[in-house]
Amino acid sequence: MRNAMMIGERIYLRPLETGDAATIAQGMHEETETFFESGRIPLSPIGLTRWIEGLYKQQPSSEIQFAVCLRETDEMIGNVGITGIDWINRTAETESYLDSTAHRGKGYGPEAKHLLLEYAFDYLHLEMLSSFVWEPNTRSAAAVLRQGYKPAGRVKSRMMQNGKFRDMLAFDISRDEWLEARAKWHAARQK
C-alpha cells in the first residue's frame, strides 16, 4: 500500500496524485452507464492533472479527494471525495465513483464510502454531510441509503438528458446518524 490514509479490508484510500489523471480520464472515456450526470464526460489527463495539482493550494482546502485502491495490487479503481467543505459550520458534500464496471457490485464502493465517512467524521470532525444523486441513478441512491444517509429532498430540473430534465435527489447524514450506521455496519461484517 502506497501512502495509505484509510485502510479497509480489501481497499485503501490515498490522496490523489497527478499520475492518477490518466486513469480517471480513461475510466470516464470507457464509461458505459448513461445515468451518470448527463452521460459520459470527456476529460483529458492534462485538465485532470491541473485539477489534482490545484486541490490543496488553498488552505484550508475546501475539497479533499482520495484514490480508491485495491490492497492486493495497489490498482486504483476509483475515487471518493469530500467537497464544498465549510470549516466553520462543519458541513460538506461527499462523492464517489468506481472507474470500471468490473469493480462495481462487489462491495468496493460501500467500503470506500465507509472509509470516507470515517475520515470526515472522526478525523475532520465534520457534523453533517450531504450527497446528491442524479434521479436515474437508482443504484447510487440505494447505496447512500444503505450507508446511513437519509432522504433530504429533491433539486428540481438540474440536468437534461435525451431532451428531458431530470432531478437531483438529496441525501444527508449527521455525525450521530453515522455513528449508528457504523455500529450496524460493523455488526453486519461480524456475521
N, C-alpha and C. Protein backbone atom coordinates (compact mmCIF):
# COMPACT_ATOMS: atom_id res chain seq x y z
N MET A 1 0.85 -1.18 0.00
CA MET A 1 0.00 0.00 0.00
C MET A 1 0.89 1.23 0.00
N ARG A 2 0.57 2.14 -0.89
CA ARG A 2 1.37 3.35 -1.06
C ARG A 2 0.63 4.56 -0.48
N ASN A 3 1.21 5.20 0.51
CA ASN A 3 0.68 6.45 1.07
C ASN A 3 -0.77 6.30 1.55
N ALA A 4 -1.09 5.15 2.13
CA ALA A 4 -2.47 4.88 2.59
C ALA A 4 -2.85 5.80 3.74
N MET A 5 -4.03 6.37 3.65
CA MET A 5 -4.55 7.23 4.72
C MET A 5 -5.65 6.53 5.50
N MET A 6 -6.45 5.74 4.82
CA MET A 6 -7.52 4.98 5.45
C MET A 6 -7.45 3.57 4.86
N ILE A 7 -7.47 2.55 5.74
CA ILE A 7 -7.29 1.17 5.28
C ILE A 7 -8.51 0.34 5.67
N GLY A 8 -9.08 -0.31 4.66
CA GLY A 8 -10.21 -1.21 4.87
C GLY A 8 -9.77 -2.65 4.71
N GLU A 9 -10.75 -3.55 4.62
CA GLU A 9 -10.44 -4.97 4.47
C GLU A 9 -9.84 -5.29 3.10
N ARG A 10 -10.42 -4.70 2.03
CA ARG A 10 -9.96 -5.03 0.68
C ARG A 10 -9.40 -3.84 -0.10
N ILE A 11 -9.69 -2.64 0.41
CA ILE A 11 -9.25 -1.44 -0.28
C ILE A 11 -8.60 -0.48 0.70
N TYR A 12 -7.96 0.54 0.15
CA TYR A 12 -7.46 1.64 0.97
C TYR A 12 -7.63 2.94 0.21
N LEU A 13 -7.61 4.03 0.95
CA LEU A 13 -7.71 5.36 0.35
C LEU A 13 -6.37 6.05 0.50
N ARG A 14 -5.94 6.69 -0.57
CA ARG A 14 -4.74 7.52 -0.55
C ARG A 14 -5.04 8.82 -1.27
N PRO A 15 -4.27 9.87 -1.01
CA PRO A 15 -4.52 11.12 -1.73
C PRO A 15 -4.35 10.92 -3.24
N LEU A 16 -5.16 11.62 -4.02
CA LEU A 16 -4.98 11.60 -5.47
C LEU A 16 -3.61 12.17 -5.81
N GLU A 17 -2.99 11.60 -6.82
CA GLU A 17 -1.70 12.07 -7.32
C GLU A 17 -1.85 12.45 -8.78
N THR A 18 -0.98 13.29 -9.27
CA THR A 18 -1.09 13.71 -10.67
C THR A 18 -1.02 12.51 -11.62
N GLY A 19 -0.32 11.47 -11.24
CA GLY A 19 -0.24 10.27 -12.07
C GLY A 19 -1.58 9.55 -12.21
N ASP A 20 -2.55 9.89 -11.36
CA ASP A 20 -3.88 9.27 -11.44
C ASP A 20 -4.74 9.88 -12.53
N ALA A 21 -4.33 11.00 -13.07
CA ALA A 21 -5.15 11.72 -14.06
C ALA A 21 -5.47 10.84 -15.27
N ALA A 22 -4.49 10.11 -15.76
CA ALA A 22 -4.72 9.26 -16.94
C ALA A 22 -5.71 8.15 -16.62
N THR A 23 -5.64 7.57 -15.42
CA THR A 23 -6.57 6.51 -15.02
C THR A 23 -7.99 7.04 -14.94
N ILE A 24 -8.17 8.23 -14.35
CA ILE A 24 -9.50 8.82 -14.24
C ILE A 24 -10.06 9.13 -15.62
N ALA A 25 -9.25 9.73 -16.48
CA ALA A 25 -9.70 10.07 -17.83
C ALA A 25 -10.08 8.81 -18.61
N GLN A 26 -9.28 7.76 -18.50
CA GLN A 26 -9.58 6.51 -19.20
C GLN A 26 -10.88 5.91 -18.69
N GLY A 27 -11.08 5.93 -17.36
CA GLY A 27 -12.32 5.40 -16.80
C GLY A 27 -13.54 6.15 -17.29
N MET A 28 -13.45 7.46 -17.37
CA MET A 28 -14.58 8.25 -17.88
C MET A 28 -14.80 8.00 -19.37
N HIS A 29 -13.72 7.82 -20.11
CA HIS A 29 -13.82 7.55 -21.54
C HIS A 29 -14.51 6.21 -21.80
N GLU A 30 -14.24 5.22 -20.95
CA GLU A 30 -14.80 3.89 -21.15
C GLU A 30 -16.16 3.69 -20.49
N GLU A 31 -16.64 4.69 -19.75
CA GLU A 31 -17.91 4.56 -19.02
C GLU A 31 -19.05 4.24 -19.98
N THR A 32 -19.82 3.22 -19.62
CA THR A 32 -20.96 2.82 -20.45
C THR A 32 -22.29 3.22 -19.84
N GLU A 33 -22.31 3.51 -18.55
CA GLU A 33 -23.56 3.90 -17.89
C GLU A 33 -23.98 5.28 -18.39
N THR A 34 -25.26 5.44 -18.65
CA THR A 34 -25.76 6.72 -19.15
C THR A 34 -26.43 7.54 -18.06
N PHE A 35 -26.56 6.98 -16.84
CA PHE A 35 -27.24 7.73 -15.79
C PHE A 35 -26.29 8.55 -14.93
N PHE A 36 -25.02 8.58 -15.27
CA PHE A 36 -24.09 9.44 -14.56
C PHE A 36 -24.21 10.84 -15.14
N GLU A 37 -24.73 11.74 -14.31
CA GLU A 37 -24.90 13.12 -14.75
C GLU A 37 -25.61 13.13 -16.10
N SER A 38 -25.02 13.75 -17.11
CA SER A 38 -25.67 13.78 -18.41
C SER A 38 -24.98 12.82 -19.38
N GLY A 39 -24.34 11.80 -18.85
CA GLY A 39 -23.68 10.81 -19.69
C GLY A 39 -22.18 10.86 -19.49
N ARG A 40 -21.47 10.22 -20.39
CA ARG A 40 -20.01 10.22 -20.29
C ARG A 40 -19.49 11.63 -20.47
N ILE A 41 -18.47 11.94 -19.71
CA ILE A 41 -17.89 13.28 -19.75
C ILE A 41 -16.47 13.16 -20.30
N PRO A 42 -16.17 13.79 -21.44
CA PRO A 42 -14.81 13.68 -21.98
C PRO A 42 -13.84 14.56 -21.17
N LEU A 43 -12.99 13.91 -20.40
CA LEU A 43 -12.00 14.61 -19.60
C LEU A 43 -10.62 14.28 -20.12
N SER A 44 -9.72 15.24 -20.08
CA SER A 44 -8.36 14.99 -20.55
C SER A 44 -7.43 14.80 -19.37
N PRO A 45 -6.41 13.96 -19.52
CA PRO A 45 -5.41 13.81 -18.47
C PRO A 45 -4.74 15.14 -18.11
N ILE A 46 -4.60 16.04 -19.08
CA ILE A 46 -3.95 17.34 -18.82
C ILE A 46 -4.84 18.18 -17.89
N GLY A 47 -6.13 18.26 -18.21
CA GLY A 47 -7.05 19.01 -17.36
C GLY A 47 -7.18 18.40 -15.98
N LEU A 48 -7.22 17.08 -15.90
CA LEU A 48 -7.32 16.41 -14.61
C LEU A 48 -6.04 16.60 -13.79
N THR A 49 -4.90 16.61 -14.45
CA THR A 49 -3.64 16.86 -13.74
C THR A 49 -3.66 18.24 -13.11
N ARG A 50 -4.12 19.22 -13.85
CA ARG A 50 -4.20 20.59 -13.29
C ARG A 50 -5.18 20.65 -12.12
N TRP A 51 -6.29 19.92 -12.23
CA TRP A 51 -7.26 19.88 -11.14
C TRP A 51 -6.63 19.27 -9.89
N ILE A 52 -5.93 18.14 -10.05
CA ILE A 52 -5.28 17.48 -8.91
C ILE A 52 -4.22 18.39 -8.29
N GLU A 53 -3.43 19.04 -9.13
CA GLU A 53 -2.39 19.95 -8.61
C GLU A 53 -3.01 21.08 -7.80
N GLY A 54 -4.19 21.54 -8.18
CA GLY A 54 -4.80 22.67 -7.51
C GLY A 54 -5.62 22.32 -6.27
N LEU A 55 -5.79 21.01 -6.01
CA LEU A 55 -6.65 20.60 -4.90
C LEU A 55 -6.26 21.22 -3.57
N TYR A 56 -4.97 21.33 -3.31
CA TYR A 56 -4.55 21.73 -1.96
C TYR A 56 -3.78 23.04 -1.93
N LYS A 57 -3.93 23.84 -2.99
CA LYS A 57 -3.27 25.15 -2.99
C LYS A 57 -3.93 26.10 -2.00
N GLN A 58 -5.25 26.02 -1.89
CA GLN A 58 -5.99 26.85 -0.93
C GLN A 58 -5.94 26.15 0.42
N GLN A 59 -5.60 26.90 1.46
CA GLN A 59 -5.56 26.33 2.81
C GLN A 59 -6.43 27.16 3.73
N PRO A 60 -7.33 26.58 4.49
CA PRO A 60 -7.64 25.16 4.41
C PRO A 60 -8.39 24.84 3.11
N SER A 61 -8.17 23.66 2.63
CA SER A 61 -8.77 23.25 1.37
C SER A 61 -10.28 23.08 1.53
N SER A 62 -11.01 23.39 0.49
CA SER A 62 -12.46 23.17 0.50
C SER A 62 -12.81 21.83 -0.12
N GLU A 63 -11.79 21.06 -0.51
CA GLU A 63 -12.02 19.78 -1.18
C GLU A 63 -10.89 18.82 -0.86
N ILE A 64 -11.26 17.58 -0.56
CA ILE A 64 -10.28 16.51 -0.31
C ILE A 64 -10.68 15.34 -1.19
N GLN A 65 -9.74 14.84 -1.97
CA GLN A 65 -10.02 13.73 -2.88
C GLN A 65 -9.06 12.58 -2.59
N PHE A 66 -9.61 11.36 -2.65
CA PHE A 66 -8.82 10.16 -2.43
C PHE A 66 -8.94 9.22 -3.62
N ALA A 67 -7.85 8.51 -3.91
CA ALA A 67 -7.90 7.39 -4.83
C ALA A 67 -8.35 6.17 -4.04
N VAL A 68 -9.21 5.36 -4.64
CA VAL A 68 -9.63 4.09 -4.05
C VAL A 68 -8.77 3.01 -4.70
N CYS A 69 -7.99 2.30 -3.88
CA CYS A 69 -7.03 1.32 -4.41
C CYS A 69 -7.26 -0.05 -3.78
N LEU A 70 -7.04 -1.09 -4.58
CA LEU A 70 -7.11 -2.46 -4.07
C LEU A 70 -5.88 -2.74 -3.22
N ARG A 71 -6.07 -3.32 -2.06
CA ARG A 71 -4.94 -3.63 -1.18
C ARG A 71 -3.99 -4.64 -1.81
N GLU A 72 -4.55 -5.64 -2.49
CA GLU A 72 -3.72 -6.71 -3.06
C GLU A 72 -2.77 -6.24 -4.15
N THR A 73 -3.23 -5.30 -4.99
CA THR A 73 -2.45 -4.94 -6.18
C THR A 73 -2.06 -3.46 -6.26
N ASP A 74 -2.59 -2.62 -5.39
CA ASP A 74 -2.42 -1.17 -5.43
C ASP A 74 -3.10 -0.53 -6.64
N GLU A 75 -3.89 -1.30 -7.39
CA GLU A 75 -4.58 -0.74 -8.56
C GLU A 75 -5.61 0.28 -8.10
N MET A 76 -5.61 1.44 -8.74
CA MET A 76 -6.63 2.46 -8.48
C MET A 76 -7.89 2.07 -9.23
N ILE A 77 -9.01 1.95 -8.49
CA ILE A 77 -10.26 1.52 -9.11
C ILE A 77 -11.33 2.60 -9.07
N GLY A 78 -11.02 3.76 -8.52
CA GLY A 78 -11.99 4.84 -8.46
C GLY A 78 -11.51 5.95 -7.55
N ASN A 79 -12.41 6.85 -7.23
CA ASN A 79 -12.06 7.93 -6.31
C ASN A 79 -13.29 8.33 -5.49
N VAL A 80 -13.02 8.84 -4.31
CA VAL A 80 -14.05 9.37 -3.42
C VAL A 80 -13.57 10.72 -2.94
N GLY A 81 -14.51 11.59 -2.58
CA GLY A 81 -14.09 12.91 -2.16
C GLY A 81 -15.07 13.59 -1.23
N ILE A 82 -14.55 14.61 -0.59
CA ILE A 82 -15.33 15.49 0.26
C ILE A 82 -15.18 16.87 -0.35
N THR A 83 -16.29 17.49 -0.77
CA THR A 83 -16.22 18.77 -1.46
C THR A 83 -17.07 19.81 -0.74
N GLY A 84 -16.84 21.06 -1.09
CA GLY A 84 -17.61 22.15 -0.51
C GLY A 84 -17.50 22.20 1.01
N ILE A 85 -16.33 21.92 1.52
CA ILE A 85 -16.16 21.88 2.98
C ILE A 85 -16.35 23.28 3.57
N ASP A 86 -17.26 23.37 4.52
CA ASP A 86 -17.49 24.59 5.29
C ASP A 86 -16.89 24.32 6.67
N TRP A 87 -15.67 24.82 6.90
CA TRP A 87 -14.94 24.53 8.12
C TRP A 87 -15.58 25.19 9.34
N ILE A 88 -16.32 26.27 9.14
CA ILE A 88 -16.98 26.95 10.26
C ILE A 88 -18.19 26.16 10.74
N ASN A 89 -19.08 25.81 9.81
CA ASN A 89 -20.30 25.08 10.16
C ASN A 89 -20.13 23.57 10.14
N ARG A 90 -18.94 23.11 9.71
CA ARG A 90 -18.56 21.70 9.73
C ARG A 90 -19.50 20.83 8.87
N THR A 91 -19.73 21.31 7.65
CA THR A 91 -20.56 20.59 6.69
C THR A 91 -19.78 20.39 5.39
N ALA A 92 -20.23 19.43 4.59
CA ALA A 92 -19.58 19.18 3.29
C ALA A 92 -20.47 18.25 2.48
N GLU A 93 -20.05 17.99 1.26
CA GLU A 93 -20.73 17.05 0.37
C GLU A 93 -19.76 15.92 0.04
N THR A 94 -20.28 14.71 -0.07
CA THR A 94 -19.43 13.58 -0.46
C THR A 94 -19.75 13.15 -1.88
N GLU A 95 -18.76 12.51 -2.50
CA GLU A 95 -18.94 11.98 -3.84
C GLU A 95 -18.11 10.71 -3.99
N SER A 96 -18.52 9.85 -4.90
CA SER A 96 -17.76 8.62 -5.12
C SER A 96 -17.99 8.13 -6.55
N TYR A 97 -16.98 7.43 -7.04
CA TYR A 97 -17.05 6.91 -8.41
C TYR A 97 -16.08 5.74 -8.54
N LEU A 98 -16.57 4.61 -9.04
CA LEU A 98 -15.70 3.49 -9.37
C LEU A 98 -15.52 3.49 -10.88
N ASP A 99 -14.27 3.43 -11.32
CA ASP A 99 -13.93 3.60 -12.73
C ASP A 99 -14.45 2.49 -13.64
N SER A 100 -14.48 1.28 -13.16
CA SER A 100 -14.75 0.16 -14.05
C SER A 100 -15.98 -0.60 -13.62
N THR A 101 -16.80 -1.01 -14.60
CA THR A 101 -17.96 -1.82 -14.27
C THR A 101 -17.51 -3.16 -13.69
N ALA A 102 -16.28 -3.58 -13.98
CA ALA A 102 -15.76 -4.84 -13.42
C ALA A 102 -15.62 -4.77 -11.91
N HIS A 103 -15.49 -3.56 -11.36
CA HIS A 103 -15.32 -3.41 -9.92
C HIS A 103 -16.63 -3.04 -9.20
N ARG A 104 -17.68 -2.81 -9.95
CA ARG A 104 -18.95 -2.44 -9.35
C ARG A 104 -19.73 -3.69 -8.93
N GLY A 105 -20.56 -3.55 -7.91
CA GLY A 105 -21.37 -4.66 -7.44
C GLY A 105 -20.60 -5.66 -6.60
N LYS A 106 -19.40 -5.33 -6.18
CA LYS A 106 -18.58 -6.24 -5.38
C LYS A 106 -18.33 -5.72 -3.97
N GLY A 107 -18.99 -4.62 -3.63
CA GLY A 107 -18.84 -4.09 -2.28
C GLY A 107 -17.69 -3.11 -2.09
N TYR A 108 -16.94 -2.82 -3.15
CA TYR A 108 -15.82 -1.88 -3.02
C TYR A 108 -16.33 -0.45 -2.76
N GLY A 109 -17.41 -0.08 -3.44
CA GLY A 109 -17.96 1.27 -3.28
C GLY A 109 -18.42 1.54 -1.85
N PRO A 110 -19.25 0.66 -1.27
CA PRO A 110 -19.64 0.89 0.12
C PRO A 110 -18.46 0.90 1.09
N GLU A 111 -17.48 0.03 0.85
CA GLU A 111 -16.30 0.02 1.72
C GLU A 111 -15.54 1.34 1.60
N ALA A 112 -15.39 1.85 0.38
CA ALA A 112 -14.70 3.13 0.18
C ALA A 112 -15.48 4.27 0.83
N LYS A 113 -16.80 4.27 0.67
CA LYS A 113 -17.62 5.34 1.26
C LYS A 113 -17.58 5.26 2.79
N HIS A 114 -17.55 4.05 3.33
CA HIS A 114 -17.43 3.88 4.77
C HIS A 114 -16.13 4.51 5.27
N LEU A 115 -15.02 4.26 4.58
CA LEU A 115 -13.74 4.85 4.97
C LEU A 115 -13.78 6.37 4.84
N LEU A 116 -14.44 6.87 3.79
CA LEU A 116 -14.55 8.32 3.59
C LEU A 116 -15.36 8.96 4.71
N LEU A 117 -16.47 8.34 5.09
CA LEU A 117 -17.29 8.88 6.18
C LEU A 117 -16.53 8.84 7.50
N GLU A 118 -15.80 7.78 7.72
CA GLU A 118 -14.97 7.70 8.93
C GLU A 118 -13.96 8.84 8.96
N TYR A 119 -13.33 9.10 7.84
CA TYR A 119 -12.36 10.19 7.75
C TYR A 119 -13.05 11.54 8.02
N ALA A 120 -14.20 11.75 7.39
CA ALA A 120 -14.91 13.03 7.52
C ALA A 120 -15.37 13.28 8.96
N PHE A 121 -15.93 12.27 9.59
CA PHE A 121 -16.48 12.47 10.93
C PHE A 121 -15.45 12.31 12.04
N ASP A 122 -14.54 11.33 11.91
CA ASP A 122 -13.59 11.06 13.00
C ASP A 122 -12.32 11.89 12.93
N TYR A 123 -11.87 12.24 11.73
CA TYR A 123 -10.61 12.97 11.59
C TYR A 123 -10.81 14.46 11.32
N LEU A 124 -11.81 14.78 10.48
CA LEU A 124 -12.07 16.19 10.18
C LEU A 124 -13.08 16.79 11.15
N HIS A 125 -13.77 15.96 11.89
CA HIS A 125 -14.77 16.39 12.87
C HIS A 125 -15.90 17.19 12.24
N LEU A 126 -16.31 16.76 11.03
CA LEU A 126 -17.46 17.39 10.40
C LEU A 126 -18.72 16.93 11.11
N GLU A 127 -19.77 17.70 10.99
CA GLU A 127 -21.02 17.40 11.70
C GLU A 127 -22.12 16.89 10.76
N MET A 128 -22.14 17.35 9.50
CA MET A 128 -23.20 16.96 8.58
C MET A 128 -22.62 16.84 7.18
N LEU A 129 -22.98 15.76 6.50
CA LEU A 129 -22.56 15.54 5.12
C LEU A 129 -23.79 15.36 4.24
N SER A 130 -23.70 15.85 3.02
CA SER A 130 -24.78 15.64 2.06
C SER A 130 -24.23 14.89 0.86
N SER A 131 -25.12 14.31 0.11
CA SER A 131 -24.75 13.61 -1.12
C SER A 131 -25.90 13.80 -2.10
N PHE A 132 -25.58 14.04 -3.35
CA PHE A 132 -26.59 14.24 -4.38
C PHE A 132 -26.45 13.16 -5.43
N VAL A 133 -27.59 12.60 -5.82
CA VAL A 133 -27.62 11.52 -6.80
C VAL A 133 -28.56 11.93 -7.92
N TRP A 134 -28.10 11.79 -9.15
CA TRP A 134 -28.96 12.09 -10.29
C TRP A 134 -30.09 11.08 -10.32
N GLU A 135 -31.29 11.55 -10.51
CA GLU A 135 -32.51 10.76 -10.38
C GLU A 135 -32.45 9.38 -11.08
N PRO A 136 -31.96 9.26 -12.30
CA PRO A 136 -31.94 7.94 -12.93
C PRO A 136 -30.98 6.95 -12.28
N ASN A 137 -30.08 7.40 -11.43
CA ASN A 137 -29.07 6.52 -10.85
C ASN A 137 -29.60 5.86 -9.57
N THR A 138 -30.49 4.91 -9.76
CA THR A 138 -31.14 4.26 -8.62
C THR A 138 -30.15 3.43 -7.80
N ARG A 139 -29.12 2.89 -8.44
CA ARG A 139 -28.12 2.10 -7.72
C ARG A 139 -27.38 2.96 -6.70
N SER A 140 -26.99 4.17 -7.09
CA SER A 140 -26.29 5.07 -6.16
C SER A 140 -27.23 5.54 -5.06
N ALA A 141 -28.48 5.80 -5.39
CA ALA A 141 -29.44 6.23 -4.37
C ALA A 141 -29.61 5.13 -3.32
N ALA A 142 -29.72 3.89 -3.75
CA ALA A 142 -29.84 2.77 -2.80
C ALA A 142 -28.58 2.63 -1.96
N ALA A 143 -27.43 2.87 -2.57
CA ALA A 143 -26.15 2.73 -1.84
C ALA A 143 -26.03 3.77 -0.73
N VAL A 144 -26.36 5.03 -1.00
CA VAL A 144 -26.23 6.04 0.05
C VAL A 144 -27.21 5.78 1.19
N LEU A 145 -28.38 5.24 0.88
CA LEU A 145 -29.32 4.89 1.93
C LEU A 145 -28.75 3.77 2.81
N ARG A 146 -28.12 2.77 2.20
CA ARG A 146 -27.51 1.68 2.97
C ARG A 146 -26.35 2.18 3.84
N GLN A 147 -25.69 3.25 3.40
CA GLN A 147 -24.57 3.79 4.16
C GLN A 147 -25.02 4.65 5.33
N GLY A 148 -26.34 4.86 5.48
CA GLY A 148 -26.85 5.59 6.62
C GLY A 148 -27.40 6.97 6.31
N TYR A 149 -27.23 7.43 5.06
CA TYR A 149 -27.80 8.72 4.68
C TYR A 149 -29.32 8.64 4.74
N LYS A 150 -29.94 9.78 4.95
CA LYS A 150 -31.40 9.89 4.95
C LYS A 150 -31.83 10.78 3.78
N PRO A 151 -33.01 10.49 3.18
CA PRO A 151 -33.51 11.37 2.12
C PRO A 151 -33.69 12.79 2.66
N ALA A 152 -33.24 13.78 1.90
CA ALA A 152 -33.31 15.18 2.34
C ALA A 152 -34.04 16.08 1.36
N GLY A 153 -34.52 15.51 0.26
CA GLY A 153 -35.27 16.32 -0.69
C GLY A 153 -34.86 16.08 -2.13
N ARG A 154 -35.26 17.02 -2.95
CA ARG A 154 -35.07 16.91 -4.40
C ARG A 154 -34.77 18.30 -4.95
N VAL A 155 -33.79 18.37 -5.83
CA VAL A 155 -33.49 19.62 -6.54
C VAL A 155 -34.08 19.45 -7.93
N LYS A 156 -35.07 20.26 -8.25
CA LYS A 156 -35.82 20.09 -9.50
C LYS A 156 -35.01 20.48 -10.73
N SER A 157 -35.19 19.70 -11.80
CA SER A 157 -34.70 20.00 -13.15
C SER A 157 -33.26 20.49 -13.18
N ARG A 158 -32.37 19.73 -12.64
CA ARG A 158 -30.96 20.11 -12.57
C ARG A 158 -30.20 19.81 -13.86
N MET A 159 -30.54 18.69 -14.51
CA MET A 159 -29.79 18.26 -15.68
C MET A 159 -30.76 17.79 -16.77
N MET A 160 -30.29 17.86 -18.01
CA MET A 160 -31.10 17.38 -19.12
C MET A 160 -30.39 16.19 -19.77
N GLN A 161 -31.19 15.19 -20.12
CA GLN A 161 -30.69 14.05 -20.87
C GLN A 161 -31.77 13.61 -21.84
N ASN A 162 -31.40 13.43 -23.07
CA ASN A 162 -32.34 13.00 -24.11
C ASN A 162 -33.57 13.88 -24.17
N GLY A 163 -33.37 15.19 -24.01
CA GLY A 163 -34.44 16.16 -24.14
C GLY A 163 -35.37 16.25 -22.94
N LYS A 164 -35.03 15.56 -21.84
CA LYS A 164 -35.89 15.58 -20.66
C LYS A 164 -35.08 16.03 -19.45
N PHE A 165 -35.65 16.97 -18.70
CA PHE A 165 -34.99 17.42 -17.48
C PHE A 165 -35.15 16.37 -16.39
N ARG A 166 -34.07 16.16 -15.65
CA ARG A 166 -34.06 15.20 -14.54
C ARG A 166 -33.68 15.92 -13.25
N ASP A 167 -34.17 15.39 -12.14
CA ASP A 167 -33.90 15.99 -10.84
C ASP A 167 -32.68 15.35 -10.18
N MET A 168 -32.16 16.06 -9.18
CA MET A 168 -31.13 15.52 -8.30
C MET A 168 -31.81 15.16 -6.99
N LEU A 169 -31.52 13.98 -6.47
CA LEU A 169 -32.04 13.56 -5.18
C LEU A 169 -31.02 13.92 -4.12
N ALA A 170 -31.46 14.54 -3.03
CA ALA A 170 -30.56 14.97 -1.97
C ALA A 170 -30.67 14.01 -0.78
N PHE A 171 -29.51 13.71 -0.19
CA PHE A 171 -29.42 12.86 0.99
C PHE A 171 -28.47 13.54 1.96
N ASP A 172 -28.65 13.27 3.26
CA ASP A 172 -27.68 13.79 4.23
C ASP A 172 -27.52 12.81 5.38
N ILE A 173 -26.44 12.99 6.12
CA ILE A 173 -26.15 12.15 7.28
C ILE A 173 -25.41 13.00 8.31
N SER A 174 -25.87 12.93 9.55
CA SER A 174 -25.21 13.66 10.63
C SER A 174 -24.19 12.75 11.30
N ARG A 175 -23.37 13.34 12.11
CA ARG A 175 -22.37 12.56 12.83
C ARG A 175 -23.04 11.49 13.69
N ASP A 176 -24.11 11.83 14.40
CA ASP A 176 -24.81 10.85 15.23
C ASP A 176 -25.41 9.72 14.40
N GLU A 177 -25.99 10.07 13.25
CA GLU A 177 -26.53 9.03 12.36
C GLU A 177 -25.42 8.13 11.83
N TRP A 178 -24.25 8.73 11.56
CA TRP A 178 -23.10 7.96 11.10
C TRP A 178 -22.65 6.97 12.17
N LEU A 179 -22.57 7.41 13.42
CA LEU A 179 -22.14 6.52 14.49
C LEU A 179 -23.07 5.32 14.61
N GLU A 180 -24.37 5.56 14.46
CA GLU A 180 -25.35 4.48 14.49
C GLU A 180 -25.18 3.55 13.28
N ALA A 181 -25.04 4.13 12.09
CA ALA A 181 -24.87 3.33 10.87
C ALA A 181 -23.57 2.53 10.93
N ARG A 182 -22.51 3.13 11.47
CA ARG A 182 -21.21 2.43 11.56
C ARG A 182 -21.33 1.23 12.48
N ALA A 183 -22.02 1.38 13.60
CA ALA A 183 -22.20 0.25 14.52
C ALA A 183 -22.93 -0.91 13.82
N LYS A 184 -23.96 -0.58 13.04
CA LYS A 184 -24.70 -1.61 12.30
C LYS A 184 -23.82 -2.23 11.23
N TRP A 185 -23.01 -1.41 10.55
CA TRP A 185 -22.13 -1.90 9.50
C TRP A 185 -21.12 -2.89 10.08
N HIS A 186 -20.52 -2.53 11.21
CA HIS A 186 -19.54 -3.43 11.86
C HIS A 186 -20.21 -4.72 12.34
N ALA A 187 -21.42 -4.61 12.91
CA ALA A 187 -22.14 -5.79 13.37
C ALA A 187 -22.43 -6.74 12.21
N ALA A 188 -22.83 -6.19 11.07
CA ALA A 188 -23.12 -7.00 9.88
C ALA A 188 -21.86 -7.68 9.36
N ARG A 189 -20.71 -7.00 9.47
CA ARG A 189 -19.43 -7.56 8.99
C ARG A 189 -18.97 -8.72 9.87
N GLN A 190 -19.40 -8.74 11.16
CA GLN A 190 -19.00 -9.78 12.09
C GLN A 190 -19.74 -11.10 11.85
N LYS A 191 -20.88 -11.03 11.17
CA LYS A 191 -21.69 -12.25 10.94
C LYS A 191 -21.09 -13.13 9.90
